[in-house]
Amino acid sequence: MDPKIREQILLIRDTGLTNMFDLPMVQRLAYERGYFELVLYLEDHRDEYAHFILHGDAR
């Protein structure tokens, strides 16, 4: 996982606005904040994203 993606995930998490497993909402919040890399990442890397959310590390 790219460090920029990791940072964007953590920034979304820190807002407290959504459950991080609500991927459509995570993507919406990312889009609204200009985190387009994260929006695209979530389309193709859902398993890696879920692993990061559950375990706190990237594969």
N, C-alpha and C. Protein backbone atom coordinates (compact mmCIF):
# COMPACT_ATOMS: atom_id res chain seq x y z
N MET A 1 0.84 -1.17 0.00
CA MET A 1 0.00 0.00 0.00
C MET A 1 0.90 1.25 0.00
N ASP A 2 0.59 2.13 -0.89
CA ASP A 2 1.31 3.39 -1.02
C ASP A 2 1.13 4.23 0.26
N PRO A 3 2.18 4.89 0.72
CA PRO A 3 2.05 5.71 1.93
C PRO A 3 0.96 6.79 1.82
N LYS A 4 0.77 7.33 0.62
CA LYS A 4 -0.26 8.35 0.43
C LYS A 4 -1.65 7.77 0.65
N ILE A 5 -1.88 6.54 0.16
CA ILE A 5 -3.17 5.86 0.36
C ILE A 5 -3.40 5.62 1.84
N ARG A 6 -2.36 5.13 2.51
CA ARG A 6 -2.46 4.87 3.96
C ARG A 6 -2.84 6.15 4.70
N GLU A 7 -2.18 7.24 4.36
CA GLU A 7 -2.47 8.52 5.01
C GLU A 7 -3.92 8.95 4.77
N GLN A 8 -4.39 8.78 3.55
CA GLN A 8 -5.76 9.18 3.21
C GLN A 8 -6.78 8.33 3.96
N ILE A 9 -6.51 7.04 4.10
CA ILE A 9 -7.40 6.16 4.86
C ILE A 9 -7.48 6.65 6.31
N LEU A 10 -6.34 6.95 6.89
CA LEU A 10 -6.30 7.39 8.28
C LEU A 10 -7.00 8.74 8.46
N LEU A 11 -6.86 9.61 7.49
CA LEU A 11 -7.54 10.90 7.56
C LEU A 11 -9.06 10.73 7.52
N ILE A 12 -9.55 9.84 6.67
CA ILE A 12 -10.98 9.57 6.63
C ILE A 12 -11.43 8.96 7.96
N ARG A 13 -10.66 7.99 8.45
CA ARG A 13 -11.00 7.35 9.73
C ARG A 13 -11.09 8.36 10.85
N ASP A 14 -10.14 9.28 10.88
CA ASP A 14 -10.08 10.26 11.96
C ASP A 14 -11.25 11.24 11.95
N THR A 15 -11.98 11.34 10.84
CA THR A 15 -13.15 12.22 10.83
C THR A 15 -14.26 11.66 11.70
N GLY A 16 -14.32 10.33 11.82
CA GLY A 16 -15.38 9.69 12.60
C GLY A 16 -16.74 9.76 11.93
N LEU A 17 -16.79 10.09 10.64
CA LEU A 17 -18.05 10.27 9.96
C LEU A 17 -18.67 8.98 9.42
N THR A 18 -17.90 7.89 9.39
CA THR A 18 -18.43 6.66 8.81
C THR A 18 -17.78 5.43 9.41
N ASN A 19 -18.47 4.33 9.30
CA ASN A 19 -17.89 3.03 9.56
C ASN A 19 -16.93 2.75 8.41
N MET A 20 -15.72 2.40 8.70
CA MET A 20 -14.72 2.23 7.65
C MET A 20 -14.99 1.03 6.74
N PHE A 21 -15.98 0.21 7.09
CA PHE A 21 -16.36 -0.89 6.20
C PHE A 21 -17.52 -0.50 5.29
N ASP A 22 -18.03 0.71 5.43
CA ASP A 22 -19.04 1.24 4.52
C ASP A 22 -18.28 1.87 3.35
N LEU A 23 -17.85 1.02 2.42
CA LEU A 23 -16.96 1.48 1.36
C LEU A 23 -17.55 2.57 0.47
N PRO A 24 -18.84 2.50 0.11
CA PRO A 24 -19.38 3.62 -0.68
C PRO A 24 -19.26 4.96 0.05
N MET A 25 -19.49 4.97 1.34
CA MET A 25 -19.36 6.21 2.10
C MET A 25 -17.90 6.63 2.24
N VAL A 26 -17.01 5.68 2.44
CA VAL A 26 -15.58 6.01 2.49
C VAL A 26 -15.17 6.65 1.17
N GLN A 27 -15.61 6.06 0.05
CA GLN A 27 -15.28 6.62 -1.25
C GLN A 27 -15.88 8.02 -1.42
N ARG A 28 -17.09 8.20 -0.98
CA ARG A 28 -17.73 9.51 -1.08
C ARG A 28 -16.97 10.56 -0.29
N LEU A 29 -16.61 10.23 0.95
CA LEU A 29 -15.85 11.17 1.78
C LEU A 29 -14.48 11.46 1.15
N ALA A 30 -13.86 10.42 0.61
CA ALA A 30 -12.56 10.61 -0.05
C ALA A 30 -12.71 11.52 -1.27
N TYR A 31 -13.73 11.29 -2.06
CA TYR A 31 -13.96 12.12 -3.24
C TYR A 31 -14.19 13.58 -2.85
N GLU A 32 -15.02 13.79 -1.83
CA GLU A 32 -15.32 15.15 -1.38
C GLU A 32 -14.07 15.88 -0.90
N ARG A 33 -13.09 15.14 -0.41
CA ARG A 33 -11.87 15.74 0.11
C ARG A 33 -10.74 15.78 -0.93
N GLY A 34 -11.02 15.29 -2.13
CA GLY A 34 -10.01 15.30 -3.19
C GLY A 34 -9.01 14.17 -3.09
N TYR A 35 -9.36 13.10 -2.36
CA TYR A 35 -8.47 11.95 -2.21
C TYR A 35 -8.78 10.95 -3.33
N PHE A 36 -8.54 11.37 -4.57
CA PHE A 36 -8.92 10.56 -5.72
C PHE A 36 -8.13 9.26 -5.81
N GLU A 37 -6.90 9.27 -5.29
CA GLU A 37 -6.11 8.04 -5.27
C GLU A 37 -6.81 6.97 -4.43
N LEU A 38 -7.36 7.38 -3.31
CA LEU A 38 -8.07 6.44 -2.44
C LEU A 38 -9.35 5.94 -3.09
N VAL A 39 -10.08 6.84 -3.74
CA VAL A 39 -11.30 6.43 -4.44
C VAL A 39 -10.97 5.31 -5.43
N LEU A 40 -9.94 5.49 -6.23
CA LEU A 40 -9.55 4.48 -7.22
C LEU A 40 -8.99 3.23 -6.57
N TYR A 41 -8.21 3.39 -5.53
CA TYR A 41 -7.62 2.26 -4.81
C TYR A 41 -8.71 1.32 -4.31
N LEU A 42 -9.77 1.87 -3.77
CA LEU A 42 -10.84 1.04 -3.20
C LEU A 42 -11.58 0.24 -4.26
N GLU A 43 -11.54 0.66 -5.49
CA GLU A 43 -12.18 -0.09 -6.57
C GLU A 43 -11.48 -1.43 -6.80
N ASP A 44 -10.16 -1.45 -6.70
CA ASP A 44 -9.38 -2.63 -7.08
C ASP A 44 -8.68 -3.36 -5.95
N HIS A 45 -8.70 -2.81 -4.74
CA HIS A 45 -7.91 -3.39 -3.64
C HIS A 45 -8.73 -3.55 -2.37
N ARG A 46 -9.95 -4.00 -2.48
CA ARG A 46 -10.82 -4.11 -1.31
C ARG A 46 -10.28 -5.08 -0.26
N ASP A 47 -9.70 -6.18 -0.69
CA ASP A 47 -9.15 -7.15 0.27
C ASP A 47 -7.99 -6.55 1.06
N GLU A 48 -7.10 -5.86 0.37
CA GLU A 48 -5.96 -5.24 1.05
C GLU A 48 -6.44 -4.14 1.99
N TYR A 49 -7.44 -3.39 1.56
CA TYR A 49 -8.01 -2.34 2.40
C TYR A 49 -8.61 -2.93 3.67
N ALA A 50 -9.41 -3.98 3.53
CA ALA A 50 -10.04 -4.63 4.69
C ALA A 50 -8.98 -5.16 5.64
N HIS A 51 -7.92 -5.75 5.10
CA HIS A 51 -6.83 -6.25 5.95
C HIS A 51 -6.22 -5.10 6.75
N PHE A 52 -6.00 -3.97 6.09
CA PHE A 52 -5.42 -2.81 6.77
C PHE A 52 -6.34 -2.31 7.88
N ILE A 53 -7.63 -2.25 7.60
CA ILE A 53 -8.59 -1.76 8.61
C ILE A 53 -8.62 -2.73 9.80
N LEU A 54 -8.61 -4.00 9.53
CA LEU A 54 -8.69 -5.00 10.62
C LEU A 54 -7.40 -5.15 11.41
N HIS A 55 -6.26 -5.08 10.73
CA HIS A 55 -5.00 -5.44 11.36
C HIS A 55 -4.02 -4.28 11.52
N GLY A 56 -4.28 -3.17 10.82
CA GLY A 56 -3.41 -2.00 10.95
C GLY A 56 -2.11 -2.07 10.20
N ASP A 57 -1.98 -3.07 9.34
CA ASP A 57 -0.78 -3.14 8.51
C ASP A 57 -1.16 -3.50 7.08
N ALA A 58 -0.28 -3.16 6.18
CA ALA A 58 -0.52 -3.45 4.76
C ALA A 58 0.11 -4.80 4.42
N ARG A 59 -0.50 -5.43 3.46
CA ARG A 59 0.06 -6.72 3.00
C ARG A 59 1.24 -6.50 2.12
